[in-house]
Amino acid sequence: MSLRCLVFDCDGVLLDSVPAKTQAFARLARPYGPKAEERFVAFHQSHGGVSRYEKFAWFFREILGREITPQESQDFGNQFKTFCREELANCREINGAREVLSFWHGRLPLYVCSGAPEAEQREVLTEHDLARYFDGIFGSPPEKAALLQKIVAQAQVAPKQTLMVGDATTDLEAAQHAGTLFYGVGSLLRGGDYPWSMDLTELSAYLSRLQAA
C-alpha cells in the first residue's frame, strides 16, 4: 500500500522553534522566581507537543498552588504569544525542510498537525514562506491525536497510507492512536522502532522507498 498523505509537526520538525518557545516559557515564569522558572522549563521540555494552555494550568496548580482562572489563562496566552513573536523572528528552518516540501508538494497532500494554536501556526509558517506548500494547517485545540484523525478523514486516505513526521512523544502517540505510520526527527526520539533521522535531509529518500514498495 503506497503512501498517500504526509503530515508534519512544526516546532522542531519544520522550524527550529523549540529553543525560542522554551525561552518564551522561561520569560513567563521569571517573575515568580528562579525555581519556578526552572521547574516550568523542565515541565515544558518533557511535554513536547502538549498545548501551552495545559502547561499554564500545570504552572498555576503545581507551582502557585491553585487552579488557573479563564482570565489568567487568556492573559498568559497573550503574553506568551508576544514573547514567541519576539523569539521566533529569526528562527531557522530545520535542515532539509524546504527541499522536502518543495519536492513532495503536488505529489502528495501535505498537512501540518501542531500543538500550537492554529491561527498562530498559520502566521508563523506564512512568515517563513512555508504555508503555501500545505493542503491544510491544523493546530490545537483539540489534542494532536484528534487532529491527526481529522486530517486522515479530510484527506480521505487510510491511516496506513499516512505518515506522521514528528519530534516528540506526543507525535508518536498521536500516530499510534490514529494508526498511521511514523517518522521520528531529532535526538529525543532516537532509538525507537521506527525510521528516524536528526533532520529532514534523509526523509525524501525514505519516502521514495515507501512509494516504490
N, C-alpha and C. Protein backbone atom coordinates (compact mmCIF):
# COMPACT_ATOMS: atom_id res chain seq x y z
N MET A 1 0.85 -1.20 0.00
CA MET A 1 0.00 0.00 0.00
C MET A 1 0.89 1.25 0.00
N SER A 2 0.82 2.06 -1.04
CA SER A 2 1.71 3.21 -1.16
C SER A 2 1.26 4.36 -0.27
N LEU A 3 2.18 5.26 -0.01
CA LEU A 3 1.90 6.43 0.82
C LEU A 3 1.02 7.41 0.04
N ARG A 4 0.00 7.96 0.72
CA ARG A 4 -0.91 8.88 0.05
C ARG A 4 -1.10 10.20 0.79
N CYS A 5 -0.47 10.35 1.96
CA CYS A 5 -0.64 11.58 2.73
C CYS A 5 0.55 11.76 3.66
N LEU A 6 1.06 13.00 3.76
CA LEU A 6 2.23 13.30 4.57
C LEU A 6 1.89 14.42 5.54
N VAL A 7 2.12 14.16 6.84
CA VAL A 7 1.73 15.09 7.90
C VAL A 7 2.96 15.45 8.73
N PHE A 8 3.13 16.74 9.00
CA PHE A 8 4.28 17.23 9.76
C PHE A 8 3.85 17.94 11.03
N ASP A 9 4.56 17.67 12.12
CA ASP A 9 4.56 18.61 13.23
C ASP A 9 5.35 19.82 12.75
N CYS A 10 5.29 20.92 13.47
CA CYS A 10 6.03 22.11 13.04
C CYS A 10 7.26 22.39 13.89
N ASP A 11 7.06 22.64 15.18
CA ASP A 11 8.18 23.01 16.05
C ASP A 11 9.17 21.86 16.15
N GLY A 12 10.41 22.11 15.73
CA GLY A 12 11.45 21.09 15.80
C GLY A 12 11.46 20.16 14.61
N VAL A 13 10.47 20.27 13.73
CA VAL A 13 10.39 19.40 12.54
C VAL A 13 10.55 20.24 11.27
N LEU A 14 9.79 21.32 11.17
CA LEU A 14 9.92 22.24 10.04
C LEU A 14 10.75 23.46 10.41
N LEU A 15 10.54 23.97 11.61
CA LEU A 15 11.25 25.15 12.09
C LEU A 15 11.98 24.84 13.38
N ASP A 16 13.16 25.41 13.54
CA ASP A 16 13.93 25.21 14.76
C ASP A 16 13.42 26.19 15.82
N SER A 17 12.15 26.04 16.15
CA SER A 17 11.47 26.98 17.02
C SER A 17 11.39 26.51 18.47
N VAL A 18 11.85 25.30 18.74
CA VAL A 18 11.77 24.78 20.10
C VAL A 18 12.56 25.64 21.08
N PRO A 19 13.83 26.02 20.79
CA PRO A 19 14.55 26.89 21.74
C PRO A 19 13.85 28.23 21.96
N ALA A 20 13.26 28.78 20.89
CA ALA A 20 12.58 30.07 21.01
C ALA A 20 11.37 29.95 21.94
N LYS A 21 10.61 28.88 21.80
CA LYS A 21 9.43 28.71 22.64
C LYS A 21 9.82 28.37 24.08
N THR A 22 10.91 27.64 24.24
CA THR A 22 11.41 27.37 25.59
C THR A 22 11.76 28.68 26.29
N GLN A 23 12.39 29.59 25.58
CA GLN A 23 12.74 30.88 26.15
C GLN A 23 11.48 31.69 26.48
N ALA A 24 10.44 31.55 25.66
CA ALA A 24 9.18 32.25 25.95
C ALA A 24 8.54 31.72 27.23
N PHE A 25 8.57 30.39 27.43
CA PHE A 25 8.05 29.82 28.69
C PHE A 25 8.88 30.31 29.87
N ALA A 26 10.20 30.37 29.70
CA ALA A 26 11.06 30.85 30.78
C ALA A 26 10.72 32.29 31.15
N ARG A 27 10.48 33.12 30.17
CA ARG A 27 10.16 34.52 30.43
C ARG A 27 8.82 34.67 31.16
N LEU A 28 7.87 33.77 30.85
CA LEU A 28 6.59 33.80 31.56
C LEU A 28 6.77 33.54 33.06
N ALA A 29 7.61 32.58 33.39
CA ALA A 29 7.76 32.16 34.78
C ALA A 29 8.75 33.01 35.56
N ARG A 30 9.58 33.78 34.88
CA ARG A 30 10.67 34.51 35.53
C ARG A 30 10.22 35.43 36.66
N PRO A 31 9.08 36.12 36.53
CA PRO A 31 8.67 36.99 37.65
C PRO A 31 8.36 36.24 38.94
N TYR A 32 8.19 34.92 38.87
CA TYR A 32 7.85 34.12 40.05
C TYR A 32 9.08 33.50 40.71
N GLY A 33 10.26 33.84 40.19
CA GLY A 33 11.49 33.39 40.82
C GLY A 33 12.22 32.33 40.01
N PRO A 34 13.52 32.16 40.29
CA PRO A 34 14.34 31.23 39.50
C PRO A 34 13.91 29.77 39.63
N LYS A 35 13.43 29.36 40.79
CA LYS A 35 13.00 27.97 40.96
C LYS A 35 11.75 27.70 40.12
N ALA A 36 10.81 28.65 40.13
CA ALA A 36 9.60 28.50 39.33
C ALA A 36 9.96 28.43 37.84
N GLU A 37 10.87 29.27 37.42
CA GLU A 37 11.32 29.27 36.02
C GLU A 37 11.95 27.93 35.65
N GLU A 38 12.82 27.44 36.51
CA GLU A 38 13.49 26.16 36.25
C GLU A 38 12.50 25.01 36.14
N ARG A 39 11.54 24.94 37.05
CA ARG A 39 10.56 23.85 37.03
C ARG A 39 9.65 23.94 35.81
N PHE A 40 9.25 25.16 35.46
CA PHE A 40 8.35 25.33 34.32
C PHE A 40 9.03 24.95 33.01
N VAL A 41 10.28 25.35 32.86
CA VAL A 41 11.03 25.00 31.66
C VAL A 41 11.21 23.48 31.57
N ALA A 42 11.52 22.86 32.71
CA ALA A 42 11.69 21.40 32.71
C ALA A 42 10.40 20.69 32.34
N PHE A 43 9.27 21.19 32.86
CA PHE A 43 7.98 20.58 32.51
C PHE A 43 7.68 20.76 31.03
N HIS A 44 7.90 21.95 30.52
CA HIS A 44 7.69 22.20 29.09
C HIS A 44 8.54 21.28 28.23
N GLN A 45 9.81 21.13 28.58
CA GLN A 45 10.72 20.33 27.75
C GLN A 45 10.38 18.84 27.78
N SER A 46 9.78 18.39 28.86
CA SER A 46 9.43 16.97 28.96
C SER A 46 8.02 16.68 28.45
N HIS A 47 7.32 17.70 27.97
CA HIS A 47 5.96 17.52 27.47
C HIS A 47 5.80 18.22 26.12
N GLY A 48 6.71 17.91 25.20
CA GLY A 48 6.65 18.48 23.87
C GLY A 48 5.34 18.12 23.18
N GLY A 49 4.75 19.09 22.48
CA GLY A 49 3.52 18.84 21.75
C GLY A 49 2.25 19.02 22.56
N VAL A 50 2.38 19.22 23.88
CA VAL A 50 1.21 19.45 24.74
C VAL A 50 0.79 20.91 24.61
N SER A 51 -0.49 21.18 24.61
CA SER A 51 -0.99 22.55 24.48
C SER A 51 -0.39 23.46 25.55
N ARG A 52 -0.04 24.65 25.15
CA ARG A 52 0.51 25.63 26.10
C ARG A 52 -0.47 25.92 27.23
N TYR A 53 -1.78 25.84 26.95
CA TYR A 53 -2.77 26.15 27.98
C TYR A 53 -2.80 25.07 29.06
N GLU A 54 -2.52 23.83 28.67
CA GLU A 54 -2.37 22.78 29.68
C GLU A 54 -1.13 23.05 30.54
N LYS A 55 -0.09 23.58 29.92
CA LYS A 55 1.14 23.90 30.67
C LYS A 55 0.91 25.08 31.61
N PHE A 56 0.15 26.07 31.15
CA PHE A 56 -0.19 27.19 32.04
C PHE A 56 -0.97 26.68 33.26
N ALA A 57 -1.93 25.78 33.01
CA ALA A 57 -2.73 25.24 34.11
C ALA A 57 -1.85 24.48 35.09
N TRP A 58 -0.86 23.71 34.57
CA TRP A 58 0.07 22.98 35.43
C TRP A 58 0.87 23.97 36.28
N PHE A 59 1.33 25.05 35.68
CA PHE A 59 2.14 26.04 36.39
C PHE A 59 1.38 26.61 37.59
N PHE A 60 0.14 26.97 37.37
CA PHE A 60 -0.64 27.53 38.47
C PHE A 60 -0.92 26.48 39.54
N ARG A 61 -1.27 25.27 39.11
CA ARG A 61 -1.64 24.22 40.06
C ARG A 61 -0.43 23.73 40.86
N GLU A 62 0.68 23.45 40.17
CA GLU A 62 1.83 22.82 40.82
C GLU A 62 2.81 23.80 41.43
N ILE A 63 2.89 25.00 40.88
CA ILE A 63 3.88 25.96 41.36
C ILE A 63 3.23 27.06 42.21
N LEU A 64 2.08 27.56 41.78
CA LEU A 64 1.40 28.60 42.54
C LEU A 64 0.38 28.04 43.53
N GLY A 65 0.06 26.74 43.41
CA GLY A 65 -0.79 26.08 44.39
C GLY A 65 -2.27 26.37 44.27
N ARG A 66 -2.73 26.73 43.08
CA ARG A 66 -4.16 26.96 42.87
C ARG A 66 -4.49 26.75 41.40
N GLU A 67 -5.78 26.66 41.12
CA GLU A 67 -6.22 26.49 39.74
C GLU A 67 -6.19 27.83 39.00
N ILE A 68 -5.86 27.77 37.74
CA ILE A 68 -5.82 28.97 36.92
C ILE A 68 -7.24 29.40 36.57
N THR A 69 -7.49 30.70 36.50
CA THR A 69 -8.79 31.20 36.08
C THR A 69 -8.79 31.38 34.56
N PRO A 70 -9.97 31.42 33.94
CA PRO A 70 -10.02 31.66 32.49
C PRO A 70 -9.31 32.94 32.08
N GLN A 71 -9.46 34.01 32.88
CA GLN A 71 -8.81 35.28 32.54
C GLN A 71 -7.30 35.16 32.64
N GLU A 72 -6.80 34.47 33.67
CA GLU A 72 -5.36 34.28 33.81
C GLU A 72 -4.80 33.45 32.67
N SER A 73 -5.56 32.43 32.26
CA SER A 73 -5.13 31.60 31.13
C SER A 73 -5.03 32.44 29.85
N GLN A 74 -6.02 33.31 29.65
CA GLN A 74 -6.00 34.18 28.48
C GLN A 74 -4.84 35.16 28.54
N ASP A 75 -4.61 35.73 29.73
CA ASP A 75 -3.52 36.69 29.89
C ASP A 75 -2.15 36.03 29.65
N PHE A 76 -1.97 34.82 30.21
CA PHE A 76 -0.73 34.09 29.98
C PHE A 76 -0.57 33.79 28.48
N GLY A 77 -1.68 33.42 27.84
CA GLY A 77 -1.62 33.11 26.41
C GLY A 77 -1.21 34.31 25.58
N ASN A 78 -1.78 35.47 25.89
CA ASN A 78 -1.43 36.69 25.15
C ASN A 78 0.03 37.09 25.37
N GLN A 79 0.48 36.96 26.62
CA GLN A 79 1.87 37.30 26.93
C GLN A 79 2.83 36.33 26.26
N PHE A 80 2.46 35.04 26.27
CA PHE A 80 3.29 34.03 25.63
C PHE A 80 3.39 34.29 24.13
N LYS A 81 2.28 34.65 23.50
CA LYS A 81 2.29 34.93 22.07
C LYS A 81 3.22 36.10 21.75
N THR A 82 3.19 37.13 22.58
CA THR A 82 4.09 38.27 22.39
C THR A 82 5.55 37.84 22.49
N PHE A 83 5.86 37.06 23.53
CA PHE A 83 7.22 36.58 23.70
C PHE A 83 7.64 35.71 22.52
N CYS A 84 6.73 34.86 22.05
CA CYS A 84 7.05 33.96 20.93
C CYS A 84 7.38 34.75 19.68
N ARG A 85 6.59 35.77 19.38
CA ARG A 85 6.86 36.58 18.20
C ARG A 85 8.26 37.17 18.25
N GLU A 86 8.64 37.63 19.42
CA GLU A 86 9.97 38.21 19.57
C GLU A 86 11.05 37.15 19.40
N GLU A 87 10.83 35.96 20.00
CA GLU A 87 11.85 34.92 19.97
C GLU A 87 11.91 34.20 18.61
N LEU A 88 10.75 34.10 17.92
CA LEU A 88 10.68 33.34 16.67
C LEU A 88 11.10 34.15 15.45
N ALA A 89 11.33 35.43 15.63
CA ALA A 89 11.60 36.30 14.48
C ALA A 89 12.74 35.78 13.61
N ASN A 90 13.74 35.20 14.23
CA ASN A 90 14.92 34.80 13.47
C ASN A 90 15.20 33.30 13.54
N CYS A 91 14.19 32.48 13.90
CA CYS A 91 14.46 31.05 13.98
C CYS A 91 14.67 30.49 12.57
N ARG A 92 15.52 29.50 12.46
CA ARG A 92 15.87 28.94 11.15
C ARG A 92 14.98 27.74 10.82
N GLU A 93 14.98 27.37 9.54
CA GLU A 93 14.31 26.15 9.13
C GLU A 93 15.16 24.93 9.51
N ILE A 94 14.50 23.81 9.79
CA ILE A 94 15.21 22.56 10.01
C ILE A 94 15.85 22.14 8.68
N ASN A 95 17.06 21.63 8.74
CA ASN A 95 17.77 21.22 7.52
C ASN A 95 16.93 20.25 6.70
N GLY A 96 16.77 20.55 5.43
CA GLY A 96 16.05 19.67 4.52
C GLY A 96 14.57 19.96 4.43
N ALA A 97 14.03 20.83 5.31
CA ALA A 97 12.58 21.04 5.34
C ALA A 97 12.04 21.60 4.03
N ARG A 98 12.61 22.69 3.56
CA ARG A 98 12.09 23.32 2.35
C ARG A 98 12.26 22.41 1.14
N GLU A 99 13.36 21.68 1.09
CA GLU A 99 13.59 20.77 -0.04
C GLU A 99 12.53 19.66 -0.07
N VAL A 100 12.22 19.10 1.10
CA VAL A 100 11.19 18.06 1.17
C VAL A 100 9.83 18.60 0.75
N LEU A 101 9.47 19.76 1.28
CA LEU A 101 8.16 20.34 0.97
C LEU A 101 8.06 20.69 -0.51
N SER A 102 9.11 21.27 -1.06
CA SER A 102 9.10 21.66 -2.46
C SER A 102 8.97 20.45 -3.38
N PHE A 103 9.69 19.37 -3.04
CA PHE A 103 9.67 18.18 -3.91
C PHE A 103 8.33 17.46 -3.84
N TRP A 104 7.77 17.31 -2.64
CA TRP A 104 6.56 16.49 -2.48
C TRP A 104 5.28 17.29 -2.65
N HIS A 105 5.37 18.61 -2.67
CA HIS A 105 4.20 19.43 -2.94
C HIS A 105 3.65 19.10 -4.33
N GLY A 106 2.38 18.75 -4.38
CA GLY A 106 1.77 18.35 -5.64
C GLY A 106 1.86 16.87 -5.93
N ARG A 107 2.78 16.18 -5.26
CA ARG A 107 2.90 14.74 -5.40
C ARG A 107 2.08 14.01 -4.34
N LEU A 108 2.05 14.60 -3.13
CA LEU A 108 1.26 14.06 -2.03
C LEU A 108 0.55 15.22 -1.33
N PRO A 109 -0.63 14.98 -0.77
CA PRO A 109 -1.23 16.00 0.11
C PRO A 109 -0.34 16.21 1.34
N LEU A 110 -0.06 17.45 1.66
CA LEU A 110 0.80 17.78 2.80
C LEU A 110 -0.01 18.55 3.83
N TYR A 111 0.15 18.16 5.10
CA TYR A 111 -0.58 18.78 6.19
C TYR A 111 0.36 19.09 7.36
N VAL A 112 -0.07 20.05 8.19
CA VAL A 112 0.59 20.34 9.47
C VAL A 112 -0.35 19.94 10.58
N CYS A 113 0.19 19.23 11.58
CA CYS A 113 -0.56 18.82 12.77
C CYS A 113 0.24 19.29 13.98
N SER A 114 -0.17 20.41 14.57
CA SER A 114 0.64 21.07 15.59
C SER A 114 -0.12 21.23 16.90
N GLY A 115 0.64 21.25 18.00
CA GLY A 115 0.06 21.52 19.30
C GLY A 115 -0.14 23.00 19.57
N ALA A 116 0.39 23.86 18.67
CA ALA A 116 0.21 25.31 18.82
C ALA A 116 -1.16 25.72 18.29
N PRO A 117 -1.69 26.87 18.74
CA PRO A 117 -2.97 27.35 18.21
C PRO A 117 -2.90 27.50 16.70
N GLU A 118 -3.98 27.16 16.03
CA GLU A 118 -3.98 27.07 14.57
C GLU A 118 -3.67 28.41 13.89
N ALA A 119 -4.30 29.48 14.33
CA ALA A 119 -4.08 30.78 13.69
C ALA A 119 -2.63 31.22 13.83
N GLU A 120 -2.06 30.98 14.99
CA GLU A 120 -0.66 31.34 15.21
C GLU A 120 0.27 30.50 14.34
N GLN A 121 -0.06 29.21 14.20
CA GLN A 121 0.78 28.33 13.38
C GLN A 121 0.75 28.77 11.92
N ARG A 122 -0.42 29.15 11.44
CA ARG A 122 -0.52 29.66 10.07
C ARG A 122 0.33 30.91 9.89
N GLU A 123 0.27 31.79 10.88
CA GLU A 123 1.02 33.04 10.81
C GLU A 123 2.52 32.79 10.74
N VAL A 124 3.01 31.90 11.60
CA VAL A 124 4.45 31.61 11.63
C VAL A 124 4.91 30.98 10.32
N LEU A 125 4.14 30.02 9.81
CA LEU A 125 4.51 29.35 8.56
C LEU A 125 4.42 30.31 7.38
N THR A 126 3.47 31.23 7.41
CA THR A 126 3.37 32.23 6.35
C THR A 126 4.57 33.16 6.38
N GLU A 127 4.98 33.58 7.56
CA GLU A 127 6.14 34.46 7.70
C GLU A 127 7.41 33.81 7.14
N HIS A 128 7.49 32.49 7.25
CA HIS A 128 8.66 31.77 6.74
C HIS A 128 8.44 31.26 5.31
N ASP A 129 7.35 31.67 4.68
CA ASP A 129 7.03 31.28 3.30
C ASP A 129 6.93 29.77 3.14
N LEU A 130 6.34 29.11 4.13
CA LEU A 130 6.14 27.66 4.06
C LEU A 130 4.67 27.28 3.98
N ALA A 131 3.77 28.18 4.35
CA ALA A 131 2.34 27.84 4.39
C ALA A 131 1.82 27.42 3.02
N ARG A 132 2.39 27.97 1.95
CA ARG A 132 1.89 27.70 0.60
C ARG A 132 2.05 26.25 0.17
N TYR A 133 2.87 25.49 0.87
CA TYR A 133 3.08 24.09 0.48
C TYR A 133 1.97 23.16 1.00
N PHE A 134 1.15 23.62 1.92
CA PHE A 134 0.26 22.71 2.65
C PHE A 134 -1.18 22.76 2.18
N ASP A 135 -1.80 21.58 2.13
CA ASP A 135 -3.22 21.46 1.84
C ASP A 135 -4.06 21.81 3.06
N GLY A 136 -3.48 21.71 4.25
CA GLY A 136 -4.18 22.06 5.47
C GLY A 136 -3.21 22.26 6.61
N ILE A 137 -3.48 23.24 7.46
CA ILE A 137 -2.67 23.51 8.64
C ILE A 137 -3.60 23.44 9.85
N PHE A 138 -3.35 22.47 10.73
CA PHE A 138 -4.22 22.23 11.87
C PHE A 138 -3.45 22.42 13.18
N GLY A 139 -4.09 23.09 14.14
CA GLY A 139 -3.48 23.30 15.45
C GLY A 139 -4.49 23.10 16.55
N SER A 140 -4.03 23.23 17.79
CA SER A 140 -4.89 23.00 18.95
C SER A 140 -5.86 24.15 19.16
N PRO A 141 -6.97 23.88 19.87
CA PRO A 141 -7.46 22.54 20.21
C PRO A 141 -8.07 21.86 18.99
N PRO A 142 -8.33 20.56 19.02
CA PRO A 142 -8.17 19.59 20.12
C PRO A 142 -6.73 19.09 20.22
N GLU A 143 -6.56 17.98 20.95
CA GLU A 143 -5.24 17.39 21.11
C GLU A 143 -4.78 16.80 19.78
N LYS A 144 -3.47 16.53 19.73
CA LYS A 144 -2.85 16.14 18.47
C LYS A 144 -3.40 14.84 17.89
N ALA A 145 -3.74 13.88 18.73
CA ALA A 145 -4.27 12.61 18.22
C ALA A 145 -5.58 12.84 17.47
N ALA A 146 -6.44 13.69 18.02
CA ALA A 146 -7.71 14.00 17.36
C ALA A 146 -7.47 14.80 16.08
N LEU A 147 -6.49 15.69 16.10
CA LEU A 147 -6.15 16.45 14.90
C LEU A 147 -5.69 15.53 13.78
N LEU A 148 -4.85 14.57 14.13
CA LEU A 148 -4.33 13.66 13.11
C LEU A 148 -5.46 12.82 12.52
N GLN A 149 -6.37 12.37 13.35
CA GLN A 149 -7.53 11.63 12.84
C GLN A 149 -8.37 12.51 11.90
N LYS A 150 -8.51 13.78 12.25
CA LYS A 150 -9.26 14.72 11.41
C LYS A 150 -8.58 14.89 10.05
N ILE A 151 -7.26 14.97 10.05
CA ILE A 151 -6.52 15.11 8.80
C ILE A 151 -6.70 13.89 7.91
N VAL A 152 -6.59 12.71 8.50
CA VAL A 152 -6.76 11.46 7.74
C VAL A 152 -8.16 11.42 7.11
N ALA A 153 -9.16 11.83 7.87
CA ALA A 153 -10.53 11.84 7.35
C ALA A 153 -10.69 12.86 6.23
N GLN A 154 -10.10 14.05 6.41
CA GLN A 154 -10.23 15.09 5.39
C GLN A 154 -9.52 14.69 4.10
N ALA A 155 -8.36 14.05 4.24
CA ALA A 155 -7.60 13.63 3.07
C ALA A 155 -8.22 12.42 2.38
N GLN A 156 -9.16 11.77 3.06
CA GLN A 156 -9.85 10.58 2.54
C GLN A 156 -8.85 9.48 2.14
N VAL A 157 -7.95 9.20 3.08
CA VAL A 157 -6.96 8.14 2.90
C VAL A 157 -7.03 7.19 4.09
N ALA A 158 -6.45 6.02 3.93
CA ALA A 158 -6.37 5.09 5.05
C ALA A 158 -5.25 5.53 6.00
N PRO A 159 -5.40 5.30 7.31
CA PRO A 159 -4.32 5.65 8.24
C PRO A 159 -2.97 5.07 7.84
N LYS A 160 -2.95 3.83 7.36
CA LYS A 160 -1.68 3.19 7.00
C LYS A 160 -1.10 3.75 5.70
N GLN A 161 -1.83 4.63 5.04
CA GLN A 161 -1.31 5.33 3.87
C GLN A 161 -0.81 6.73 4.23
N THR A 162 -0.79 7.02 5.53
CA THR A 162 -0.44 8.34 6.05
C THR A 162 0.82 8.24 6.91
N LEU A 163 1.75 9.17 6.72
CA LEU A 163 2.97 9.22 7.52
C LEU A 163 2.98 10.48 8.36
N MET A 164 3.10 10.33 9.68
CA MET A 164 3.26 11.45 10.60
C MET A 164 4.74 11.64 10.87
N VAL A 165 5.24 12.86 10.70
CA VAL A 165 6.64 13.20 10.94
C VAL A 165 6.70 14.09 12.17
N GLY A 166 7.34 13.61 13.24
CA GLY A 166 7.35 14.37 14.48
C GLY A 166 8.62 14.21 15.27
N ASP A 167 8.76 15.07 16.28
CA ASP A 167 9.99 15.08 17.09
C ASP A 167 9.72 14.87 18.57
N ALA A 168 8.47 14.55 18.95
CA ALA A 168 8.14 14.42 20.37
C ALA A 168 7.28 13.17 20.59
N THR A 169 7.23 12.73 21.83
CA THR A 169 6.44 11.54 22.15
C THR A 169 4.96 11.76 21.86
N THR A 170 4.49 13.01 21.97
CA THR A 170 3.08 13.27 21.65
C THR A 170 2.80 13.02 20.17
N ASP A 171 3.78 13.26 19.30
CA ASP A 171 3.62 12.97 17.87
C ASP A 171 3.55 11.46 17.65
N LEU A 172 4.44 10.74 18.30
CA LEU A 172 4.45 9.28 18.20
C LEU A 172 3.15 8.69 18.73
N GLU A 173 2.70 9.18 19.89
CA GLU A 173 1.45 8.67 20.48
C GLU A 173 0.25 9.00 19.60
N ALA A 174 0.26 10.17 18.96
CA ALA A 174 -0.83 10.53 18.05
C ALA A 174 -0.87 9.58 16.87
N ALA A 175 0.31 9.25 16.31
CA ALA A 175 0.38 8.31 15.19
C ALA A 175 -0.12 6.93 15.61
N GLN A 176 0.28 6.50 16.80
CA GLN A 176 -0.16 5.19 17.29
C GLN A 176 -1.66 5.18 17.50
N HIS A 177 -2.20 6.26 18.05
CA HIS A 177 -3.64 6.34 18.30
C HIS A 177 -4.44 6.36 16.99
N ALA A 178 -3.93 7.11 16.00
CA ALA A 178 -4.64 7.23 14.73
C ALA A 178 -4.37 6.06 13.80
N GLY A 179 -3.33 5.26 14.10
CA GLY A 179 -3.00 4.11 13.27
C GLY A 179 -2.19 4.44 12.04
N THR A 180 -1.48 5.60 12.05
CA THR A 180 -0.67 5.99 10.90
C THR A 180 0.76 5.48 11.04
N LEU A 181 1.52 5.62 9.98
CA LEU A 181 2.96 5.38 10.03
C LEU A 181 3.62 6.55 10.77
N PHE A 182 4.89 6.38 11.18
CA PHE A 182 5.58 7.43 11.92
C PHE A 182 7.04 7.51 11.51
N TYR A 183 7.54 8.75 11.43
CA TYR A 183 8.96 9.02 11.16
C TYR A 183 9.45 9.99 12.22
N GLY A 184 10.48 9.59 12.98
CA GLY A 184 10.99 10.42 14.06
C GLY A 184 12.10 11.35 13.62
N VAL A 185 12.10 12.55 14.20
CA VAL A 185 13.11 13.56 13.90
C VAL A 185 13.69 14.08 15.21
N GLY A 186 15.01 14.21 15.27
CA GLY A 186 15.65 14.83 16.43
C GLY A 186 16.07 13.85 17.51
N SER A 187 16.87 14.34 18.43
CA SER A 187 17.53 13.48 19.40
C SER A 187 16.58 12.83 20.41
N LEU A 188 15.45 13.46 20.70
CA LEU A 188 14.54 12.91 21.71
C LEU A 188 13.94 11.58 21.30
N LEU A 189 13.85 11.33 19.99
CA LEU A 189 13.20 10.11 19.51
C LEU A 189 14.19 9.11 18.93
N ARG A 190 15.45 9.33 19.14
CA ARG A 190 16.47 8.40 18.65
C ARG A 190 16.30 7.03 19.32
N GLY A 191 16.43 5.96 18.51
CA GLY A 191 16.47 4.61 19.06
C GLY A 191 15.15 3.88 19.14
N GLY A 192 14.09 4.43 18.55
CA GLY A 192 12.81 3.73 18.57
C GLY A 192 12.69 2.74 17.42
N ASP A 193 11.58 2.01 17.39
CA ASP A 193 11.37 1.02 16.34
C ASP A 193 10.61 1.64 15.17
N TYR A 194 11.08 2.77 14.69
CA TYR A 194 10.51 3.49 13.56
C TYR A 194 11.67 4.17 12.83
N PRO A 195 11.49 4.55 11.58
CA PRO A 195 12.56 5.27 10.87
C PRO A 195 12.83 6.60 11.56
N TRP A 196 14.07 7.05 11.53
CA TRP A 196 14.48 8.23 12.30
C TRP A 196 15.67 8.91 11.64
N SER A 197 15.74 10.22 11.79
CA SER A 197 16.95 10.97 11.42
C SER A 197 16.98 12.26 12.24
N MET A 198 18.14 12.90 12.30
CA MET A 198 18.27 14.11 13.10
C MET A 198 17.52 15.29 12.49
N ASP A 199 17.40 15.33 11.17
CA ASP A 199 16.68 16.41 10.50
C ASP A 199 15.90 15.81 9.32
N LEU A 200 15.58 16.63 8.32
CA LEU A 200 14.75 16.14 7.21
C LEU A 200 15.55 15.83 5.95
N THR A 201 16.87 15.84 6.05
CA THR A 201 17.69 15.63 4.86
C THR A 201 17.58 14.21 4.31
N GLU A 202 17.16 13.25 5.12
CA GLU A 202 17.03 11.87 4.66
C GLU A 202 15.58 11.46 4.39
N LEU A 203 14.65 12.38 4.63
CA LEU A 203 13.23 12.00 4.54
C LEU A 203 12.79 11.68 3.11
N SER A 204 13.22 12.45 2.14
CA SER A 204 12.77 12.21 0.77
C SER A 204 13.20 10.84 0.27
N ALA A 205 14.41 10.42 0.62
CA ALA A 205 14.87 9.10 0.22
C ALA A 205 13.99 8.01 0.83
N TYR A 206 13.62 8.20 2.10
CA TYR A 206 12.75 7.24 2.76
C TYR A 206 11.37 7.22 2.10
N LEU A 207 10.83 8.38 1.79
CA LEU A 207 9.51 8.45 1.15
C LEU A 207 9.53 7.79 -0.22
N SER A 208 10.61 7.96 -0.96
CA SER A 208 10.72 7.33 -2.26
C SER A 208 10.73 5.82 -2.15
N ARG A 209 11.39 5.33 -1.09
CA ARG A 209 11.39 3.86 -0.88
C ARG A 209 9.99 3.37 -0.54
N LEU A 210 9.26 4.16 0.26
CA LEU A 210 7.88 3.77 0.58
C LEU A 210 7.02 3.73 -0.68
N GLN A 211 7.18 4.72 -1.53
CA GLN A 211 6.38 4.78 -2.74
C GLN A 211 6.69 3.64 -3.69
N ALA A 212 7.93 3.17 -3.65
CA ALA A 212 8.35 2.10 -4.56
C ALA A 212 7.98 0.72 -4.04
N ALA A 213 7.64 0.65 -2.75
CA ALA A 213 7.36 -0.68 -2.14
C ALA A 213 6.07 -1.26 -2.67
